[in-house]
Amino acid sequence: MAAASLKLSVALACVLLLSSAACHGLEVGYYKKTCPRVEAIVRDEVKKFVYKNAGIGAGLIRMFFHDCFVQGCDGSVLLDPTPTNPQPEKLSPPNFPSLRGFEVIDAAKDAVEKACPGVVSCADIVAFAGRDAAYFLSKMKVKINMPAGRLDGRVSNSTEALDNLPPPFFNLDQLVASFAAKGLSAEDMVVLSGAHTIGVSHCSSFVSDRIAVTSDIDGGFANFLRRRCPANPSTANDPTVNQDVVTPNALDNQYYKNVLAHKVLFTSDAALLTTPATTQMVRDSANIPGQWEAKFNKAMIKMGAIDVKTGKQGEIRRKCRVVNH
């Protein structure tokens, strides 16, 4: 009777604490017996790339987000096209050609396979790489104890990326619904949007609905963007702009100050000011030292538990770009 009561208590706790990675079969230090150096190996590889190019770090954080929102956190975004699957996630418009960092995952996977072959999933390497990129880009202020234990998926479809990844023109209701579908709250959405403080965006992602039409964007900032971007960006002429022009290479809370100043690129960024509740979240993140970093830490862990595959649902890929045969 006591055992049954304990099981019921754990089940209720998992329902109430949706953010708990333990409820999804994940745990911190998952590889401490089977591959004890894995996290240090991945961190060393990420450090090499990020210190050469901060934009690669931004790409790794974005990759983690884009992986988890499609088929769950299962490394499906890494799969290359094949004759039987010519259009995987990585070739979908939200990912191609803008998503980057794949070479970091390849390097980390190769190093990990030399240390402990067949043990560590590509999905976990993506999660560790996103965590480590956040650590280095925040000057060690964002320290995430990332749980592990994910398996790699075998399905990757470009249409699913289009269906599940919120585009930059979404309004607040659409953003909230998109995150809610993944078990994430409105606050998680506001907090994770803060990753837009790092990296670049192609002009085609914002010109048509931010500077080609009347909007709430700051006039001086709009003029700056007009000088940088063609009126009709094309594949041949689609420059990039820093998402945060103030501290472009730092993962910090400057993004929220930019939102308040109406100096952000996307409609989805500006949308955070359309309700009193989300506006207050933005103000708090902009003005309370350390608050955003602490919440970003928790939100990354919560996101990393979306639709984790277990048992026969997944595998541990030998190569991250192809499923096992």
C-alpha atoms as a PDB file:
ATOM      1  CA  MET A   1       0.000   0.000   0.000  1.00  0.00           C
ATOM      2  CA  ALA A   2       2.832   2.381   0.892  1.00  0.00           C
ATOM      3  CA  ALA A   3       4.611   1.588  -2.408  1.00  0.00           C
ATOM      4  CA  ALA A   4       1.436   2.245  -4.397  1.00  0.00           C
ATOM      5  CA  SER A   5       0.971   5.527  -2.560  1.00  0.00           C
ATOM      6  CA  LEU A   6       4.565   6.508  -3.362  1.00  0.00           C
ATOM      7  CA  LYS A   7       4.083   5.732  -7.063  1.00  0.00           C
ATOM      8  CA  LEU A   8       0.903   7.808  -7.108  1.00  0.00           C
ATOM      9  CA  SER A   9       2.730  10.700  -5.426  1.00  0.00           C
ATOM     10  CA  VAL A  10       5.529  10.571  -8.006  1.00  0.00           C
ATOM     11  CA  ALA A  11       3.023  10.448 -10.860  1.00  0.00           C
ATOM     12  CA  LEU A  12       1.149  13.448  -9.480  1.00  0.00           C
ATOM     13  CA  ALA A  13       4.412  15.310  -9.009  1.00  0.00           C
ATOM     14  CA  CYS A  14       5.315  14.685 -12.643  1.00  0.00           C
ATOM     15  CA  VAL A  15       1.944  16.012 -13.764  1.00  0.00           C
ATOM     16  CA  LEU A  16       2.273  19.111 -11.621  1.00  0.00           C
ATOM     17  CA  LEU A  17       5.958  19.691 -12.324  1.00  0.00           C
ATOM     18  CA  LEU A  18       5.993  19.403 -16.086  1.00  0.00           C
ATOM     19  CA  SER A  19       9.370  21.124 -16.119  1.00  0.00           C
ATOM     20  CA  SER A  20      11.043  18.325 -14.184  1.00  0.00           C
ATOM     21  CA  ALA A  21      13.400  16.541 -16.547  1.00  0.00           C
ATOM     22  CA  ALA A  22      13.446  13.553 -14.193  1.00  0.00           C
ATOM     23  CA  CYS A  23       9.818  12.912 -15.110  1.00  0.00           C
ATOM     24  CA  HIS A  24      10.954  12.377 -18.698  1.00  0.00           C
ATOM     25  CA  GLY A  25      13.617   9.805 -17.854  1.00  0.00           C
ATOM     26  CA  LEU A  26      16.461  12.331 -17.987  1.00  0.00           C
ATOM     27  CA  GLU A  27      19.040  12.859 -15.276  1.00  0.00           C
ATOM     28  CA  VAL A  28      22.055  15.047 -14.580  1.00  0.00           C
ATOM     29  CA  GLY A  29      25.249  13.019 -14.847  1.00  0.00           C
ATOM     30  CA  TYR A  30      23.537  10.351 -16.949  1.00  0.00           C
ATOM     31  CA  TYR A  31      26.846   9.207 -18.492  1.00  0.00           C
ATOM     32  CA  LYS A  32      28.980   9.290 -15.342  1.00  0.00           C
ATOM     33  CA  LYS A  33      29.519   5.502 -15.495  1.00  0.00           C
ATOM     34  CA  THR A  34      29.319   4.789 -19.223  1.00  0.00           C
ATOM     35  CA  CYS A  35      31.199   7.823 -20.585  1.00  0.00           C
ATOM     36  CA  PRO A  36      32.414   9.952 -17.671  1.00  0.00           C
ATOM     37  CA  ARG A  37      34.273  12.552 -19.782  1.00  0.00           C
ATOM     38  CA  VAL A  38      31.552  13.187 -22.358  1.00  0.00           C
ATOM     39  CA  GLU A  39      30.472  16.596 -21.068  1.00  0.00           C
ATOM     40  CA  ALA A  40      34.061  17.855 -20.861  1.00  0.00           C
ATOM     41  CA  ILE A  41      34.756  16.556 -24.372  1.00  0.00           C
ATOM     42  CA  VAL A  42      31.728  18.346 -25.841  1.00  0.00           C
ATOM     43  CA  ARG A  43      32.539  21.535 -23.924  1.00  0.00           C
ATOM     44  CA  ASP A  44      36.107  21.558 -25.265  1.00  0.00           C
ATOM     45  CA  GLU A  45      34.875  21.234 -28.863  1.00  0.00           C
ATOM     46  CA  VAL A  46      32.252  23.951 -28.416  1.00  0.00           C
ATOM     47  CA  LYS A  47      34.830  26.262 -26.846  1.00  0.00           C
ATOM     48  CA  LYS A  48      37.163  25.913 -29.860  1.00  0.00           C
ATOM     49  CA  PHE A  49      34.454  27.025 -32.280  1.00  0.00           C
ATOM     50  CA  VAL A  50      32.719  29.676 -30.167  1.00  0.00           C
ATOM     51  CA  TYR A  51      35.923  31.507 -29.286  1.00  0.00           C
ATOM     52  CA  LYS A  52      36.679  31.761 -33.017  1.00  0.00           C
ATOM     53  CA  ASN A  53      33.137  32.825 -33.966  1.00  0.00           C
ATOM     54  CA  ALA A  54      30.445  33.815 -31.458  1.00  0.00           C
ATOM     55  CA  GLY A  55      27.844  33.337 -34.184  1.00  0.00           C
ATOM     56  CA  ILE A  56      28.475  29.593 -34.124  1.00  0.00           C
ATOM     57  CA  GLY A  57      27.513  29.612 -30.447  1.00  0.00           C
ATOM     58  CA  ALA A  58      24.291  31.417 -31.288  1.00  0.00           C
ATOM     59  CA  GLY A  59      23.656  28.748 -33.908  1.00  0.00           C
ATOM     60  CA  LEU A  60      24.104  25.948 -31.374  1.00  0.00           C
ATOM     61  CA  ILE A  61      21.571  27.478 -28.975  1.00  0.00           C
ATOM     62  CA  ARG A  62      19.144  27.918 -31.867  1.00  0.00           C
ATOM     63  CA  MET A  63      19.808  24.349 -33.043  1.00  0.00           C
ATOM     64  CA  PHE A  64      18.788  22.992 -29.636  1.00  0.00           C
ATOM     65  CA  PHE A  65      15.532  24.976 -29.823  1.00  0.00           C
ATOM     66  CA  HIS A  66      14.830  23.930 -33.423  1.00  0.00           C
ATOM     67  CA  ASP A  67      15.561  20.292 -32.635  1.00  0.00           C
ATOM     68  CA  CYS A  68      13.306  20.131 -29.576  1.00  0.00           C
ATOM     69  CA  PHE A  69      10.307  21.823 -31.220  1.00  0.00           C
ATOM     70  CA  VAL A  70      10.192  19.254 -34.053  1.00  0.00           C
ATOM     71  CA  GLN A  71       9.783  15.578 -33.132  1.00  0.00           C
ATOM     72  CA  GLY A  72      11.084  16.426 -29.650  1.00  0.00           C
ATOM     73  CA  CYS A  73      14.734  16.659 -28.543  1.00  0.00           C
ATOM     74  CA  ASP A  74      15.942  13.755 -30.666  1.00  0.00           C
ATOM     75  CA  GLY A  75      18.648  15.046 -32.998  1.00  0.00           C
ATOM     76  CA  SER A  76      16.277  14.885 -35.975  1.00  0.00           C
ATOM     77  CA  VAL A  77      17.468  18.311 -37.158  1.00  0.00           C
ATOM     78  CA  LEU A  78      20.904  16.797 -37.823  1.00  0.00           C
ATOM     79  CA  LEU A  79      19.809  14.244 -40.426  1.00  0.00           C
ATOM     80  CA  ASP A  80      21.032  14.791 -43.988  1.00  0.00           C
ATOM     81  CA  PRO A  81      18.842  14.274 -47.058  1.00  0.00           C
ATOM     82  CA  THR A  82      18.761  10.777 -48.560  1.00  0.00           C
ATOM     83  CA  PRO A  83      17.155   9.319 -51.705  1.00  0.00           C
ATOM     84  CA  THR A  84      14.270   8.062 -49.568  1.00  0.00           C
ATOM     85  CA  ASN A  85      14.019  11.306 -47.548  1.00  0.00           C
ATOM     86  CA  PRO A  86      15.144  14.198 -49.766  1.00  0.00           C
ATOM     87  CA  GLN A  87      13.618  16.926 -47.581  1.00  0.00           C
ATOM     88  CA  PRO A  88      14.619  16.539 -43.912  1.00  0.00           C
ATOM     89  CA  GLU A  89      14.210  19.258 -41.263  1.00  0.00           C
ATOM     90  CA  LYS A  90      17.573  20.879 -41.937  1.00  0.00           C
ATOM     91  CA  LEU A  91      16.437  21.813 -45.482  1.00  0.00           C
ATOM     92  CA  SER A  92      13.187  23.426 -44.294  1.00  0.00           C
ATOM     93  CA  PRO A  93      12.955  27.253 -44.712  1.00  0.00           C
ATOM     94  CA  PRO A  94      13.222  27.910 -40.937  1.00  0.00           C
ATOM     95  CA  ASN A  95      16.569  26.049 -40.957  1.00  0.00           C
ATOM     96  CA  PHE A  96      18.085  26.463 -44.398  1.00  0.00           C
ATOM     97  CA  PRO A  97      20.381  28.197 -45.048  1.00  0.00           C
ATOM     98  CA  SER A  98      20.396  30.039 -41.700  1.00  0.00           C
ATOM     99  CA  LEU A  99      20.895  27.246 -39.144  1.00  0.00           C
ATOM    100  CA  ARG A 100      24.544  26.640 -38.357  1.00  0.00           C
ATOM    101  CA  GLY A 101      26.801  24.704 -36.030  1.00  0.00           C
ATOM    102  CA  PHE A 102      26.463  21.264 -37.609  1.00  0.00           C
ATOM    103  CA  GLU A 103      30.251  20.975 -37.914  1.00  0.00           C
ATOM    104  CA  VAL A 104      30.549  21.454 -34.140  1.00  0.00           C
ATOM    105  CA  ILE A 105      28.199  18.551 -33.487  1.00  0.00           C
ATOM    106  CA  ASP A 106      30.160  16.405 -35.949  1.00  0.00           C
ATOM    107  CA  ALA A 107      33.461  17.248 -34.226  1.00  0.00           C
ATOM    108  CA  ALA A 108      32.009  16.600 -30.767  1.00  0.00           C
ATOM    109  CA  LYS A 109      30.447  13.297 -31.854  1.00  0.00           C
ATOM    110  CA  ASP A 110      33.743  12.111 -33.404  1.00  0.00           C
ATOM    111  CA  ALA A 111      35.631  12.960 -30.215  1.00  0.00           C
ATOM    112  CA  VAL A 112      33.025  11.274 -28.022  1.00  0.00           C
ATOM    113  CA  GLU A 113      32.976   8.137 -30.198  1.00  0.00           C
ATOM    114  CA  LYS A 114      36.739   7.780 -29.772  1.00  0.00           C
ATOM    115  CA  ALA A 115      36.331   7.912 -25.985  1.00  0.00           C
ATOM    116  CA  CYS A 116      33.252   5.705 -25.645  1.00  0.00           C
ATOM    117  CA  PRO A 117      31.796   4.342 -28.897  1.00  0.00           C
ATOM    118  CA  GLY A 118      28.075   3.721 -29.222  1.00  0.00           C
ATOM    119  CA  VAL A 119      27.133   5.209 -25.862  1.00  0.00           C
ATOM    120  CA  VAL A 120      26.200   8.894 -26.257  1.00  0.00           C
ATOM    121  CA  SER A 121      23.271  10.051 -28.387  1.00  0.00           C
ATOM    122  CA  CYS A 122      23.511  12.911 -30.868  1.00  0.00           C
ATOM    123  CA  ALA A 123      20.436  14.431 -29.191  1.00  0.00           C
ATOM    124  CA  ASP A 124      22.337  14.714 -25.918  1.00  0.00           C
ATOM    125  CA  ILE A 125      25.328  16.214 -27.716  1.00  0.00           C
ATOM    126  CA  VAL A 126      23.038  18.896 -29.190  1.00  0.00           C
ATOM    127  CA  ALA A 127      21.707  19.615 -25.681  1.00  0.00           C
ATOM    128  CA  PHE A 128      25.212  19.779 -24.175  1.00  0.00           C
ATOM    129  CA  ALA A 129      26.430  21.994 -27.038  1.00  0.00           C
ATOM    130  CA  GLY A 130      23.540  24.437 -26.570  1.00  0.00           C
ATOM    131  CA  ARG A 131      24.254  24.554 -22.858  1.00  0.00           C
ATOM    132  CA  ASP A 132      27.987  25.091 -23.382  1.00  0.00           C
ATOM    133  CA  ALA A 133      27.456  27.800 -25.995  1.00  0.00           C
ATOM    134  CA  ALA A 134      25.234  29.651 -23.502  1.00  0.00           C
ATOM    135  CA  TYR A 135      27.926  29.269 -20.840  1.00  0.00           C
ATOM    136  CA  PHE A 136      30.716  30.759 -22.959  1.00  0.00           C
ATOM    137  CA  LEU A 137      28.639  33.496 -24.602  1.00  0.00           C
ATOM    138  CA  SER A 138      27.301  34.659 -21.218  1.00  0.00           C
ATOM    139  CA  LYS A 139      30.841  34.925 -19.817  1.00  0.00           C
ATOM    140  CA  MET A 140      30.067  31.925 -17.586  1.00  0.00           C
ATOM    141  CA  LYS A 141      26.927  33.499 -16.059  1.00  0.00           C
ATOM    142  CA  VAL A 142      24.521  30.909 -17.480  1.00  0.00           C
ATOM    143  CA  LYS A 143      25.425  27.594 -15.855  1.00  0.00           C
ATOM    144  CA  ILE A 144      22.972  24.881 -16.825  1.00  0.00           C
ATOM    145  CA  ASN A 145      22.992  21.436 -15.213  1.00  0.00           C
ATOM    146  CA  MET A 146      21.663  19.802 -18.371  1.00  0.00           C
ATOM    147  CA  PRO A 147      20.096  16.382 -17.801  1.00  0.00           C
ATOM    148  CA  ALA A 148      20.744  13.677 -20.392  1.00  0.00           C
ATOM    149  CA  GLY A 149      19.395  10.323 -21.494  1.00  0.00           C
ATOM    150  CA  ARG A 150      17.734  11.255 -24.798  1.00  0.00           C
ATOM    151  CA  LEU A 151      17.657   8.854 -27.725  1.00  0.00           C
ATOM    152  CA  ASP A 152      18.041   9.813 -31.374  1.00  0.00           C
ATOM    153  CA  GLY A 153      14.993   9.807 -33.616  1.00  0.00           C
ATOM    154  CA  ARG A 154      14.710   8.248 -37.059  1.00  0.00           C
ATOM    155  CA  VAL A 155      12.190  10.680 -38.594  1.00  0.00           C
ATOM    156  CA  SER A 156      13.023  14.095 -40.048  1.00  0.00           C
ATOM    157  CA  ASN A 157      10.569  15.991 -42.242  1.00  0.00           C
ATOM    158  CA  SER A 158      10.870  19.549 -43.543  1.00  0.00           C
ATOM    159  CA  THR A 159       7.103  20.056 -43.391  1.00  0.00           C
ATOM    160  CA  GLU A 160       7.089  19.353 -39.658  1.00  0.00           C
ATOM    161  CA  ALA A 161       9.684  22.087 -39.135  1.00  0.00           C
ATOM    162  CA  LEU A 162       7.397  24.561 -40.908  1.00  0.00           C
ATOM    163  CA  ASP A 163       4.429  23.388 -38.843  1.00  0.00           C
ATOM    164  CA  ASN A 164       6.122  23.494 -35.430  1.00  0.00           C
ATOM    165  CA  LEU A 165       8.698  26.291 -35.423  1.00  0.00           C
ATOM    166  CA  PRO A 166       7.192  29.733 -34.650  1.00  0.00           C
ATOM    167  CA  PRO A 167       8.082  32.159 -37.476  1.00  0.00           C
ATOM    168  CA  PRO A 168       9.363  35.707 -36.821  1.00  0.00           C
ATOM    169  CA  PHE A 169       6.056  37.279 -37.882  1.00  0.00           C
ATOM    170  CA  PHE A 170       3.925  35.569 -35.190  1.00  0.00           C
ATOM    171  CA  ASN A 171       1.852  37.731 -32.847  1.00  0.00           C
ATOM    172  CA  LEU A 172       1.714  37.113 -29.103  1.00  0.00           C
ATOM    173  CA  ASP A 173      -1.313  34.786 -29.137  1.00  0.00           C
ATOM    174  CA  GLN A 174       0.316  32.649 -31.809  1.00  0.00           C
ATOM    175  CA  LEU A 175       3.598  32.547 -29.903  1.00  0.00           C
ATOM    176  CA  VAL A 176       1.910  31.541 -26.645  1.00  0.00           C
ATOM    177  CA  ALA A 177      -0.061  28.798 -28.428  1.00  0.00           C
ATOM    178  CA  SER A 178       3.062  27.512 -30.189  1.00  0.00           C
ATOM    179  CA  PHE A 179       4.980  27.179 -26.915  1.00  0.00           C
ATOM    180  CA  ALA A 180       1.967  25.805 -25.033  1.00  0.00           C
ATOM    181  CA  ALA A 181       1.763  22.989 -27.579  1.00  0.00           C
ATOM    182  CA  LYS A 182       5.201  21.926 -26.348  1.00  0.00           C
ATOM    183  CA  GLY A 183       4.337  22.180 -22.653  1.00  0.00           C
ATOM    184  CA  LEU A 184       6.025  25.574 -22.234  1.00  0.00           C
ATOM    185  CA  SER A 185       4.442  28.605 -20.573  1.00  0.00           C
ATOM    186  CA  ALA A 186       4.136  32.205 -21.744  1.00  0.00           C
ATOM    187  CA  GLU A 187       6.957  33.057 -19.366  1.00  0.00           C
ATOM    188  CA  ASP A 188       9.137  30.317 -20.875  1.00  0.00           C
ATOM    189  CA  MET A 189       8.444  31.871 -24.276  1.00  0.00           C
ATOM    190  CA  VAL A 190       9.483  35.352 -23.106  1.00  0.00           C
ATOM    191  CA  VAL A 191      12.596  33.964 -21.412  1.00  0.00           C
ATOM    192  CA  LEU A 192      13.714  31.826 -24.355  1.00  0.00           C
ATOM    193  CA  SER A 193      13.139  34.761 -26.725  1.00  0.00           C
ATOM    194  CA  GLY A 194      16.087  36.329 -24.931  1.00  0.00           C
ATOM    195  CA  ALA A 195      18.375  34.124 -27.030  1.00  0.00           C
ATOM    196  CA  HIS A 196      17.777  36.749 -29.741  1.00  0.00           C
ATOM    197  CA  THR A 197      20.419  38.795 -27.945  1.00  0.00           C
ATOM    198  CA  ILE A 198      23.041  36.829 -29.900  1.00  0.00           C
ATOM    199  CA  GLY A 199      23.490  35.941 -33.558  1.00  0.00           C
ATOM    200  CA  VAL A 200      22.377  37.451 -36.852  1.00  0.00           C
ATOM    201  CA  SER A 201      19.285  37.447 -39.029  1.00  0.00           C
ATOM    202  CA  HIS A 202      18.879  37.639 -42.786  1.00  0.00           C
ATOM    203  CA  CYS A 203      17.061  40.750 -44.000  1.00  0.00           C
ATOM    204  CA  SER A 204      14.403  38.556 -45.624  1.00  0.00           C
ATOM    205  CA  SER A 205      13.254  37.491 -42.142  1.00  0.00           C
ATOM    206  CA  PHE A 206      12.041  40.940 -41.136  1.00  0.00           C
ATOM    207  CA  VAL A 207      12.047  43.509 -43.975  1.00  0.00           C
ATOM    208  CA  SER A 208       8.532  42.862 -45.266  1.00  0.00           C
ATOM    209  CA  ASP A 209       6.684  43.206 -41.943  1.00  0.00           C
ATOM    210  CA  ARG A 210       9.002  45.504 -39.968  1.00  0.00           C
ATOM    211  CA  ILE A 211      10.478  48.194 -42.188  1.00  0.00           C
ATOM    212  CA  ALA A 212       8.474  47.908 -45.408  1.00  0.00           C
ATOM    213  CA  VAL A 213       5.241  48.695 -43.562  1.00  0.00           C
ATOM    214  CA  THR A 214       4.238  50.981 -40.714  1.00  0.00           C
ATOM    215  CA  SER A 215       5.148  49.434 -37.357  1.00  0.00           C
ATOM    216  CA  ASP A 216       6.134  50.405 -33.831  1.00  0.00           C
ATOM    217  CA  ILE A 217       9.852  50.155 -34.642  1.00  0.00           C
ATOM    218  CA  ASP A 218      12.117  53.019 -33.542  1.00  0.00           C
ATOM    219  CA  GLY A 219      12.555  55.457 -36.444  1.00  0.00           C
ATOM    220  CA  GLY A 220      16.324  55.695 -36.236  1.00  0.00           C
ATOM    221  CA  PHE A 221      16.650  51.916 -36.001  1.00  0.00           C
ATOM    222  CA  ALA A 222      14.340  51.469 -38.999  1.00  0.00           C
ATOM    223  CA  ASN A 223      16.518  53.838 -41.028  1.00  0.00           C
ATOM    224  CA  PHE A 224      19.611  51.883 -39.993  1.00  0.00           C
ATOM    225  CA  LEU A 225      17.983  48.676 -41.215  1.00  0.00           C
ATOM    226  CA  ARG A 226      16.936  50.284 -44.502  1.00  0.00           C
ATOM    227  CA  ARG A 227      20.560  51.201 -45.134  1.00  0.00           C
ATOM    228  CA  ARG A 228      21.648  47.627 -44.456  1.00  0.00           C
ATOM    229  CA  CYS A 229      18.870  45.743 -46.242  1.00  0.00           C
ATOM    230  CA  PRO A 230      17.555  45.840 -49.818  1.00  0.00           C
ATOM    231  CA  ALA A 231      13.846  46.619 -50.171  1.00  0.00           C
ATOM    232  CA  ASN A 232      13.258  43.186 -51.693  1.00  0.00           C
ATOM    233  CA  PRO A 233      15.831  40.706 -50.383  1.00  0.00           C
ATOM    234  CA  SER A 234      16.571  37.772 -52.679  1.00  0.00           C
ATOM    235  CA  THR A 235      18.644  34.631 -52.501  1.00  0.00           C
ATOM    236  CA  ALA A 236      21.441  36.496 -54.267  1.00  0.00           C
ATOM    237  CA  ASN A 237      21.141  39.620 -52.110  1.00  0.00           C
ATOM    238  CA  ASP A 238      20.057  38.872 -48.546  1.00  0.00           C
ATOM    239  CA  PRO A 239      22.516  40.469 -46.078  1.00  0.00           C
ATOM    240  CA  THR A 240      22.561  39.726 -42.357  1.00  0.00           C
ATOM    241  CA  VAL A 241      22.096  42.092 -39.420  1.00  0.00           C
ATOM    242  CA  ASN A 242      23.049  41.546 -35.778  1.00  0.00           C
ATOM    243  CA  GLN A 243      19.953  40.713 -33.749  1.00  0.00           C
ATOM    244  CA  ASP A 244      21.341  42.809 -30.898  1.00  0.00           C
ATOM    245  CA  VAL A 245      23.293  45.789 -32.213  1.00  0.00           C
ATOM    246  CA  VAL A 246      24.398  46.862 -28.703  1.00  0.00           C
ATOM    247  CA  THR A 247      26.149  43.713 -27.415  1.00  0.00           C
ATOM    248  CA  PRO A 248      26.074  41.443 -30.488  1.00  0.00           C
ATOM    249  CA  ASN A 249      28.483  38.801 -29.184  1.00  0.00           C
ATOM    250  CA  ALA A 250      27.158  38.461 -25.619  1.00  0.00           C
ATOM    251  CA  LEU A 251      24.342  36.339 -24.252  1.00  0.00           C
ATOM    252  CA  ASP A 252      22.907  38.883 -21.825  1.00  0.00           C
ATOM    253  CA  ASN A 253      19.712  40.763 -20.982  1.00  0.00           C
ATOM    254  CA  GLN A 254      20.331  43.565 -23.509  1.00  0.00           C
ATOM    255  CA  TYR A 255      17.652  42.031 -25.743  1.00  0.00           C
ATOM    256  CA  TYR A 256      14.949  43.088 -23.273  1.00  0.00           C
ATOM    257  CA  LYS A 257      16.276  46.635 -23.178  1.00  0.00           C
ATOM    258  CA  ASN A 258      16.119  46.614 -26.976  1.00  0.00           C
ATOM    259  CA  VAL A 259      12.513  45.376 -26.874  1.00  0.00           C
ATOM    260  CA  LEU A 260      11.560  48.251 -24.560  1.00  0.00           C
ATOM    261  CA  ALA A 261      13.360  50.703 -26.864  1.00  0.00           C
ATOM    262  CA  HIS A 262      11.543  49.290 -29.946  1.00  0.00           C
ATOM    263  CA  LYS A 263      14.883  48.327 -31.480  1.00  0.00           C
ATOM    264  CA  VAL A 264      14.284  44.678 -32.341  1.00  0.00           C
ATOM    265  CA  LEU A 265      14.133  42.917 -35.683  1.00  0.00           C
ATOM    266  CA  PHE A 266      11.111  40.662 -35.520  1.00  0.00           C
ATOM    267  CA  THR A 267       7.382  41.141 -35.108  1.00  0.00           C
ATOM    268  CA  SER A 268       7.591  38.276 -32.605  1.00  0.00           C
ATOM    269  CA  ASP A 269      10.071  40.323 -30.528  1.00  0.00           C
ATOM    270  CA  ALA A 270       7.897  43.451 -30.540  1.00  0.00           C
ATOM    271  CA  ALA A 271       4.872  41.300 -29.688  1.00  0.00           C
ATOM    272  CA  LEU A 272       6.201  40.792 -26.148  1.00  0.00           C
ATOM    273  CA  LEU A 273       4.937  44.302 -25.312  1.00  0.00           C
ATOM    274  CA  THR A 274       1.338  43.687 -26.367  1.00  0.00           C
ATOM    275  CA  THR A 275       0.012  42.573 -22.967  1.00  0.00           C
ATOM    276  CA  PRO A 276       0.671  43.981 -19.477  1.00  0.00           C
ATOM    277  CA  ALA A 277       1.811  40.569 -18.197  1.00  0.00           C
ATOM    278  CA  THR A 278       4.468  39.962 -20.839  1.00  0.00           C
ATOM    279  CA  THR A 279       5.524  43.619 -20.775  1.00  0.00           C
ATOM    280  CA  GLN A 280       6.238  43.258 -17.056  1.00  0.00           C
ATOM    281  CA  MET A 281       8.279  40.118 -17.737  1.00  0.00           C
ATOM    282  CA  VAL A 282      10.324  42.094 -20.272  1.00  0.00           C
ATOM    283  CA  ARG A 283      10.852  44.953 -17.810  1.00  0.00           C
ATOM    284  CA  ASP A 284      11.937  42.586 -15.057  1.00  0.00           C
ATOM    285  CA  SER A 285      14.392  40.800 -17.339  1.00  0.00           C
ATOM    286  CA  ALA A 286      15.793  44.149 -18.482  1.00  0.00           C
ATOM    287  CA  ASN A 287      16.126  45.705 -15.040  1.00  0.00           C
ATOM    288  CA  ILE A 288      16.674  43.018 -12.392  1.00  0.00           C
ATOM    289  CA  PRO A 289      20.312  41.832 -12.470  1.00  0.00           C
ATOM    290  CA  GLY A 290      20.696  38.087 -12.848  1.00  0.00           C
ATOM    291  CA  GLN A 291      16.972  37.314 -13.141  1.00  0.00           C
ATOM    292  CA  TRP A 292      16.922  36.533 -16.829  1.00  0.00           C
ATOM    293  CA  GLU A 293      20.003  34.316 -16.665  1.00  0.00           C
ATOM    294  CA  ALA A 294      18.467  32.255 -13.845  1.00  0.00           C
ATOM    295  CA  LYS A 295      15.178  31.845 -15.692  1.00  0.00           C
ATOM    296  CA  PHE A 296      16.915  31.050 -18.976  1.00  0.00           C
ATOM    297  CA  ASN A 297      18.760  28.261 -17.180  1.00  0.00           C
ATOM    298  CA  LYS A 298      15.479  26.669 -16.043  1.00  0.00           C
ATOM    299  CA  ALA A 299      13.704  27.221 -19.367  1.00  0.00           C
ATOM    300  CA  MET A 300      16.498  25.507 -21.313  1.00  0.00           C
ATOM    301  CA  ILE A 301      16.210  22.440 -19.070  1.00  0.00           C
ATOM    302  CA  LYS A 302      12.441  22.422 -19.442  1.00  0.00           C
ATOM    303  CA  MET A 303      12.678  22.744 -23.227  1.00  0.00           C
ATOM    304  CA  GLY A 304      15.218  19.930 -23.283  1.00  0.00           C
ATOM    305  CA  ALA A 305      12.613  17.509 -21.935  1.00  0.00           C
ATOM    306  CA  ILE A 306      10.128  17.953 -24.805  1.00  0.00           C
ATOM    307  CA  ASP A 307       8.939  14.612 -26.247  1.00  0.00           C
ATOM    308  CA  VAL A 308      12.064  12.686 -25.257  1.00  0.00           C
ATOM    309  CA  LYS A 309      12.282   9.313 -26.986  1.00  0.00           C
ATOM    310  CA  THR A 310      12.794   6.163 -24.959  1.00  0.00           C
ATOM    311  CA  GLY A 311      13.122   2.451 -25.605  1.00  0.00           C
ATOM    312  CA  LYS A 312      12.346   1.391 -29.179  1.00  0.00           C
ATOM    313  CA  GLN A 313      11.278   4.923 -30.114  1.00  0.00           C
ATOM    314  CA  GLY A 314      14.889   5.863 -30.760  1.00  0.00           C
ATOM    315  CA  GLU A 315      18.498   4.777 -31.070  1.00  0.00           C
ATOM    316  CA  ILE A 316      22.047   6.004 -30.461  1.00  0.00           C
ATOM    317  CA  ARG A 317      23.324   6.993 -33.891  1.00  0.00           C
ATOM    318  CA  ARG A 318      26.871   6.114 -34.850  1.00  0.00           C
ATOM    319  CA  LYS A 319      26.939   9.167 -37.135  1.00  0.00           C
ATOM    320  CA  CYS A 320      24.726  12.138 -36.349  1.00  0.00           C
ATOM    321  CA  ARG A 321      23.823  12.836 -39.987  1.00  0.00           C
ATOM    322  CA  VAL A 322      22.380   9.376 -40.770  1.00  0.00           C
ATOM    323  CA  VAL A 323      20.200   6.822 -39.005  1.00  0.00           C
ATOM    324  CA  ASN A 324      21.746   3.467 -38.131  1.00  0.00           C
ATOM    325  CA  HIS A 325      21.267   0.620 -40.558  1.00  0.00           C
END
